[in-house]
Every structure is written in structure tokens, then in C-alpha cells.
Amino acid sequence: MTLKDNISRVIAGPHVAAVATLSEGKPEVRFIVLEGQPDLSLVGATMKASRKVQQIKKNPVVGISIWSGVEFSDPYIVFRGKAEIHEDLETKKKHWNPMYEQYFKTVDNPDYVVLKFVPGEIEYIATGSMQPEVWKP
């Protein structure tokens, strides 16, 4: 199995991820549900008025961590890259998930935006190893 395959297995499906942005030079971390894509980018939804959107507009550089499992020793990734904010209806429809209804009601809600995180590099930390393998696009 390749490094890209291993990373894909960690990020496949929806995951609660810790996303770090910068606010006035200080890190801000929050949890968001993200779903991995075949190109190893990550996609999630948020409110347009959220602090993270405002921070990403000022500085799109992010750090993200996703843990794959249940056991303490299960693999995880550390993602460094840039965030994009998508407000167009086509992208919103493409990434719409019925679980979003409780927050946004409908796909055309103007406060619903899609965040796409494009990798600059991804560290994969395997079971029993503290030495990461690094993937770069």
C-alpha cells in the first residue's frame, strides 16, 4: 500500500477534524466535520459569518489533524495547506449532506459555505511509529 493510499484510508468518509487558523498571529483551533477527497483535499461546511471564515479570508494557511480510529495507536494525519471558501451554488450542491439541514435548512442558504482545504503536505503517523511519512503533491 502506498503512502497516498494510507492517507486516503485515514481521511475517507466524514471525520471530526481539528482545524487551526490564525487570528492576529495566534492559533485558533476548532472542530469541524471534514470529508477526504480522492486528491487528498478535505471538504466541509460552515457558516459564512463564522470566525474561521473571517480568519481564512485574512490568511488561508491552515493546519488540520485527523485521527483514524478508536484505539490510541491508530494512525493519524497532520495536514498543512491552504483553505478556499466556496459560495457558488454548484459547489454547495456537490458537497451538500442531509446532516446540514439542521444548520442551514436548504442548500441555497446564503450563510452556508463550503470550505476546501488543499494540501501543501500531509504527515502520516502510523501505528507504533512516531516518525511521520510526508506526502507532498
Protein backbone atom coordinates (compact mmCIF):
# COMPACT_ATOMS: atom_id res chain seq x y z
CA MET A 1 0.00 0.00 0.00
CA THR A 2 1.33 3.46 -0.90
CA LEU A 3 1.59 6.47 1.40
CA LYS A 4 -1.24 8.15 -0.53
CA ASP A 5 -3.41 5.04 -0.01
CA ASN A 6 -2.70 5.10 3.74
CA ILE A 7 -3.62 8.78 3.96
CA SER A 8 -6.79 8.16 1.94
CA ARG A 9 -7.85 5.47 4.42
CA VAL A 10 -7.46 7.91 7.34
CA ILE A 11 -9.45 10.73 5.70
CA ALA A 12 -12.12 8.63 3.93
CA GLY A 13 -15.68 9.47 4.93
CA PRO A 14 -16.73 12.21 7.32
CA HIS A 15 -14.39 12.81 10.27
CA VAL A 16 -14.32 15.28 13.10
CA ALA A 17 -11.09 17.18 12.49
CA ALA A 18 -9.19 19.78 14.49
CA VAL A 19 -8.61 22.79 12.23
CA ALA A 20 -6.17 25.55 13.15
CA THR A 21 -6.28 29.03 11.63
CA LEU A 22 -4.51 32.22 12.65
CA SER A 23 -6.11 35.22 14.32
CA GLU A 24 -3.90 38.22 14.99
CA GLY A 25 -0.83 35.97 14.98
CA LYS A 26 -2.30 33.45 17.42
CA PRO A 27 -3.58 29.96 16.60
CA GLU A 28 -7.30 29.30 16.83
CA VAL A 29 -8.38 25.65 16.85
CA ARG A 30 -11.88 24.27 16.44
CA PHE A 31 -13.53 21.04 15.40
CA ILE A 32 -15.31 20.67 12.07
CA VAL A 33 -16.59 17.66 10.14
CA LEU A 34 -14.45 17.16 7.04
CA GLU A 35 -14.54 14.58 4.29
CA GLY A 36 -11.48 13.46 2.36
CA GLN A 37 -11.44 13.66 -1.42
CA PRO A 38 -9.52 11.45 -3.91
CA ASP A 39 -6.92 14.20 -4.44
CA LEU A 40 -6.36 14.26 -0.62
CA SER A 41 -8.05 17.62 -0.24
CA LEU A 42 -10.59 17.95 2.57
CA VAL A 43 -14.08 19.46 2.31
CA GLY A 44 -16.54 20.65 4.94
CA ALA A 45 -19.36 23.10 5.55
CA THR A 46 -19.61 26.09 7.82
CA MET A 47 -21.47 29.34 8.33
CA LYS A 48 -20.31 32.27 6.23
CA ALA A 49 -20.33 34.54 9.30
CA SER A 50 -18.12 32.20 11.36
CA ARG A 51 -14.82 33.38 12.81
CA LYS A 52 -12.93 30.71 10.88
CA VAL A 53 -14.19 32.10 7.56
CA GLN A 54 -13.09 35.61 8.54
CA GLN A 55 -9.67 34.27 9.60
CA ILE A 56 -9.27 32.27 6.38
CA LYS A 57 -10.08 35.39 4.33
CA LYS A 58 -7.18 37.17 6.07
CA ASN A 59 -4.79 34.21 5.99
CA PRO A 60 -5.71 30.97 4.18
CA VAL A 61 -2.89 28.90 5.71
CA VAL A 62 -4.26 26.13 7.95
CA GLY A 63 -3.18 23.11 9.95
CA ILE A 64 -5.50 20.13 10.39
CA SER A 65 -5.27 16.90 12.31
CA ILE A 66 -7.45 13.83 11.79
CA TRP A 67 -7.21 10.63 13.81
CA SER A 68 -8.45 7.50 12.10
CA GLY A 69 -9.73 5.31 14.81
CA VAL A 70 -10.73 4.11 18.18
CA GLU A 71 -7.51 2.73 19.61
CA PHE A 72 -4.86 5.14 20.86
CA SER A 73 -2.34 3.59 18.47
CA ASP A 74 -4.46 4.02 15.31
CA PRO A 75 -2.85 6.15 12.56
CA TYR A 76 -3.49 9.85 12.14
CA ILE A 77 -2.53 12.66 9.77
CA VAL A 78 -1.28 16.21 10.16
CA PHE A 79 -2.29 18.32 7.18
CA ARG A 80 -0.74 21.65 6.24
CA GLY A 81 -2.21 23.62 3.39
CA LYS A 82 -4.48 26.41 2.26
CA ALA A 83 -8.21 26.92 2.63
CA GLU A 84 -10.63 28.04 -0.04
CA ILE A 85 -14.11 29.41 0.60
CA HIS A 86 -16.76 28.39 -1.95
CA GLU A 87 -20.13 30.16 -2.06
CA ASP A 88 -21.33 29.14 -5.52
CA LEU A 89 -24.46 27.01 -5.70
CA GLU A 90 -22.85 24.31 -7.87
CA THR A 91 -20.15 23.58 -5.27
CA LYS A 92 -22.65 23.81 -2.43
CA LYS A 93 -24.91 21.25 -4.15
CA LYS A 94 -21.98 18.95 -4.91
CA HIS A 95 -20.98 18.77 -1.24
CA TRP A 96 -24.42 19.00 0.37
CA ASN A 97 -25.08 16.43 3.07
CA PRO A 98 -28.53 15.86 4.60
CA MET A 99 -26.99 16.32 8.06
CA TYR A 100 -26.50 20.01 7.13
CA GLU A 101 -30.27 20.60 7.15
CA GLN A 102 -30.30 21.12 10.91
CA TYR A 103 -27.90 24.05 10.49
CA PHE A 104 -28.66 25.53 7.07
CA LYS A 105 -32.17 24.19 6.21
CA THR A 106 -31.55 24.33 2.42
CA VAL A 107 -28.62 24.12 0.04
CA ASP A 108 -29.26 27.67 -1.24
CA ASN A 109 -28.96 29.25 2.22
CA PRO A 110 -26.57 32.21 1.71
CA ASP A 111 -24.95 31.53 5.11
CA TYR A 112 -23.89 28.00 4.01
CA VAL A 113 -20.39 27.92 2.51
CA VAL A 114 -18.08 25.08 1.58
CA LEU A 115 -14.52 25.08 2.85
CA LYS A 116 -12.00 23.20 0.74
CA PHE A 117 -8.57 22.53 2.21
CA VAL A 118 -5.86 21.97 -0.39
CA PRO A 119 -2.80 20.08 0.87
CA GLY A 120 0.70 21.52 0.81
CA GLU A 121 1.97 18.48 2.69
CA ILE A 122 0.48 15.71 4.79
CA GLU A 123 2.25 13.81 7.52
CA TYR A 124 1.07 10.25 8.10
CA ILE A 125 1.86 8.80 11.52
CA ALA A 126 1.41 5.03 11.50
CA THR A 127 0.56 2.63 14.29
CA GLY A 128 3.51 2.22 16.63
CA SER A 129 5.64 4.85 14.89
CA MET A 130 6.44 8.36 15.98
CA GLN A 131 8.28 9.07 12.72
CA PRO A 132 5.90 10.58 10.17
CA GLU A 133 5.99 9.84 6.48
CA VAL A 134 5.49 13.04 4.47
CA TRP A 135 3.39 13.26 1.32
CA LYS A 136 3.61 16.30 -0.96
CA PRO A 137 1.54 16.94 -4.10
